[in-house]
Protein backbone atom coordinates (compact mmCIF):
# COMPACT_ATOMS: atom_id res chain seq x y z
CA MET A 1 -9.88 -0.31 -40.79
CA ASN A 2 -9.93 -3.24 -43.24
CA PRO A 3 -11.34 -6.67 -42.17
CA CYS A 4 -7.95 -8.21 -41.72
CA GLN A 5 -6.82 -5.64 -39.28
CA ALA A 6 -10.01 -5.94 -37.35
CA THR A 7 -9.89 -9.88 -37.26
CA ALA A 8 -6.08 -10.15 -36.56
CA PRO A 9 -6.36 -9.75 -32.77
CA LEU A 10 -9.14 -12.32 -32.60
CA LEU A 11 -7.24 -15.10 -34.39
CA ALA A 12 -5.09 -16.15 -31.42
CA LEU A 13 -8.15 -16.18 -29.22
CA SER A 14 -10.08 -18.19 -31.72
CA ALA A 15 -7.24 -20.75 -32.01
CA ALA A 16 -7.27 -21.08 -28.15
CA GLY A 17 -11.12 -21.51 -28.08
CA LEU A 18 -11.67 -18.36 -26.08
CA LEU A 19 -14.13 -16.47 -28.27
CA ASP A 20 -17.89 -16.30 -27.71
CA ALA A 21 -20.11 -17.59 -30.42
CA ASP A 22 -20.70 -14.33 -32.31
CA GLU A 23 -17.01 -13.45 -32.39
CA GLU A 24 -16.10 -16.96 -33.45
CA ARG A 25 -18.62 -16.84 -36.19
CA ALA A 26 -17.21 -13.49 -37.46
CA VAL A 27 -13.66 -14.96 -37.45
CA ARG A 28 -14.75 -18.13 -39.38
CA GLU A 29 -16.59 -16.07 -42.06
CA HIS A 30 -13.52 -13.87 -42.57
CA VAL A 31 -11.23 -16.83 -42.76
CA ARG A 32 -13.24 -18.38 -45.49
CA GLU A 33 -12.71 -15.31 -47.66
CA CYS A 34 -9.15 -14.50 -46.59
CA PRO A 35 -6.35 -17.04 -47.33
CA ALA A 36 -3.69 -15.07 -45.27
CA CYS A 37 -5.74 -14.98 -42.19
CA ALA A 38 -6.79 -18.69 -42.69
CA ALA A 39 -3.02 -19.61 -42.83
CA ARG A 40 -2.32 -17.62 -39.71
CA LEU A 41 -5.32 -19.15 -37.96
CA GLU A 42 -4.02 -22.61 -38.87
CA SER A 43 -0.50 -21.89 -37.55
CA LEU A 44 -1.87 -20.59 -34.35
CA GLY A 45 -4.12 -23.59 -34.01
CA ASN A 46 -1.06 -25.85 -34.42
CA LEU A 47 0.83 -23.75 -31.79
CA ALA A 48 -2.11 -23.93 -29.29
CA GLY A 49 -2.23 -27.73 -29.87
CA ALA A 50 1.40 -28.11 -29.27
CA LEU A 51 1.37 -25.92 -26.05
CA SER A 52 -1.56 -27.84 -24.71
CA ALA A 53 0.24 -31.23 -25.22
CA LEU A 54 3.08 -30.03 -23.02
CA PRO A 55 3.04 -31.10 -19.44
CA ALA A 56 1.99 -28.36 -16.94
CA PRO A 57 4.69 -27.59 -14.27
CA ALA A 58 3.76 -28.61 -10.80
CA PRO A 59 3.65 -25.67 -8.43
CA PRO A 60 6.17 -25.79 -5.51
CA ALA A 61 4.92 -27.65 -2.53
CA ASP A 62 5.32 -24.75 -0.15
CA LEU A 63 3.66 -22.27 -2.52
CA ALA A 64 0.41 -21.79 -0.38
CA LEU A 65 2.46 -21.47 2.84
CA ARG A 66 4.81 -18.83 1.34
CA THR A 67 1.84 -16.94 -0.09
CA GLN A 68 0.04 -16.91 3.27
CA GLY A 69 3.28 -15.73 4.98
CA ARG A 70 3.69 -12.87 2.37
CA LEU A 71 -0.03 -11.98 2.85
CA ALA A 72 0.24 -11.96 6.56
CA ALA A 73 3.38 -9.83 6.39
CA GLU A 74 1.61 -7.30 4.09
CA LEU A 75 -1.37 -7.14 6.35
CA ASP A 76 0.93 -6.60 9.40
CA SER A 77 2.62 -3.84 7.54
CA VAL A 78 -0.56 -2.08 6.86
CA ALA A 79 -1.69 -2.51 10.48
CA GLU A 80 1.67 -1.20 11.63
CA ARG A 81 1.35 1.91 9.46
CA ARG A 82 -2.07 2.49 10.92
CA ARG A 83 -0.94 2.01 14.44
CA GLY A 84 1.96 4.46 13.76
CA GLY A 85 -0.60 7.03 12.53
CA VAL A 86 -2.79 6.63 15.50
CA LEU A 87 0.14 6.91 17.77
CA ALA A 88 1.33 10.06 16.08
CA LEU A 89 -2.15 11.48 16.42
CA ALA A 90 -2.36 10.54 20.09
CA GLY A 91 0.97 12.04 20.69
CA ALA A 92 0.03 15.28 18.99
CA ALA A 93 -3.18 15.38 21.14
CA LEU A 94 -1.17 14.65 24.29
CA ALA A 95 1.27 17.42 23.41
CA TRP A 96 -1.59 19.94 22.72
CA ILE A 97 -3.30 19.11 25.99
CA SER A 98 -0.11 19.28 27.95
CA TRP A 99 0.83 22.62 26.48
CA PHE A 100 -2.64 24.15 27.45
CA ALA A 101 -2.26 22.54 30.87
CA LEU A 102 1.10 24.04 31.34
CA TRP A 103 -0.15 27.43 29.95
CA GLU A 104 -2.96 27.38 32.52
CA LEU A 105 -0.68 26.48 35.30
CA TYR A 106 1.80 29.22 34.40
CA ARG A 107 -1.08 31.70 34.29
CA ILE A 108 -2.12 30.62 37.75
CA LEU A 109 1.32 30.77 39.08
CA THR A 110 2.16 34.27 37.63
CA GLY A 111 -1.11 35.85 38.31
CA GLY A 112 -2.69 36.28 34.92
CA ILE A 113 -2.45 36.28 31.14
CA ASP A 114 -0.98 39.78 30.92
CA SER A 115 2.29 38.67 32.37
CA LEU A 116 2.40 35.99 29.69
CA LEU A 117 1.92 38.54 26.88
CA ARG A 118 4.72 40.85 28.04
CA LEU A 119 7.83 39.45 26.38
CA GLN A 120 10.43 39.98 29.09
CA TRP A 121 13.53 37.99 29.30
CA PRO A 122 12.64 36.13 32.47
CA ASN A 123 9.32 34.89 30.87
CA VAL A 124 11.13 33.79 27.60
CA TRP A 125 13.59 31.80 29.65
CA VAL A 126 10.75 30.24 31.74
CA TRP A 127 8.93 29.09 28.59
CA LEU A 128 12.08 27.91 27.03
CA ALA A 129 12.91 25.86 30.13
CA ILE A 130 9.38 24.39 30.10
CA SER A 131 9.64 23.56 26.41
CA MET A 132 12.94 21.79 26.86
CA PHE A 133 11.69 20.00 29.94
CA MET A 134 8.63 18.62 27.84
CA VAL A 135 11.04 17.71 24.99
CA SER A 136 13.32 15.85 27.43
CA LEU A 137 10.30 13.88 28.63
CA ALA A 138 8.77 13.27 25.21
CA ALA A 139 11.98 12.14 23.39
CA PRO A 140 12.77 9.14 25.76
CA ALA A 141 9.21 8.03 25.73
CA ALA A 142 9.05 8.02 22.05
CA ALA A 143 12.42 6.15 21.81
CA ALA A 144 11.12 3.55 24.35
CA LEU A 145 7.93 3.08 22.33
CA ALA A 146 9.88 2.64 19.15
CA ARG A 147 12.18 0.20 20.82
CA ALA A 148 9.30 -1.87 22.02
CA ARG A 149 7.66 -1.93 18.78
CA ARG A 150 10.96 -3.13 17.09
CA ARG A 151 11.13 -5.89 19.56
CA GLU A 152 7.61 -7.02 18.88
CA ARG A 153 8.29 -7.21 15.17
CA ASN A 154 11.59 -9.18 15.71
CA ILE A 155 9.81 -11.67 17.92
CA LEU A 156 7.19 -12.39 15.20
């Protein structure tokens, strides 16, 4: 890499006054020896001066308020996802506990686990009925929870 290629990225930073002392010294040494880089640095310096003379646009009056609102919405979204995960985990744990409780209840009512392991049609129908009953209880409860969460979000 020749010295011009190494110095070229630093010329704009030098014109804006953003280089540290060592880099600035290296750019100045190279510019003294290279007329092409000196001309580029001069044009970049003129451009930086012209840009600094322009008035800076004023930020909108409600910028801070809008930024705070967006930040609060993003934080609420993150918290909502976290709550959704906790609810899903709690629902899975409840389903697991309910299933084992029903299994134990079935064992007690039928007189032992051996009747559970025999796949006879009446047992399959009983388990199917129990499963459908659990689903018919869980689905409206989940829908009610989702509806309540939507109402909460709409209020805010």
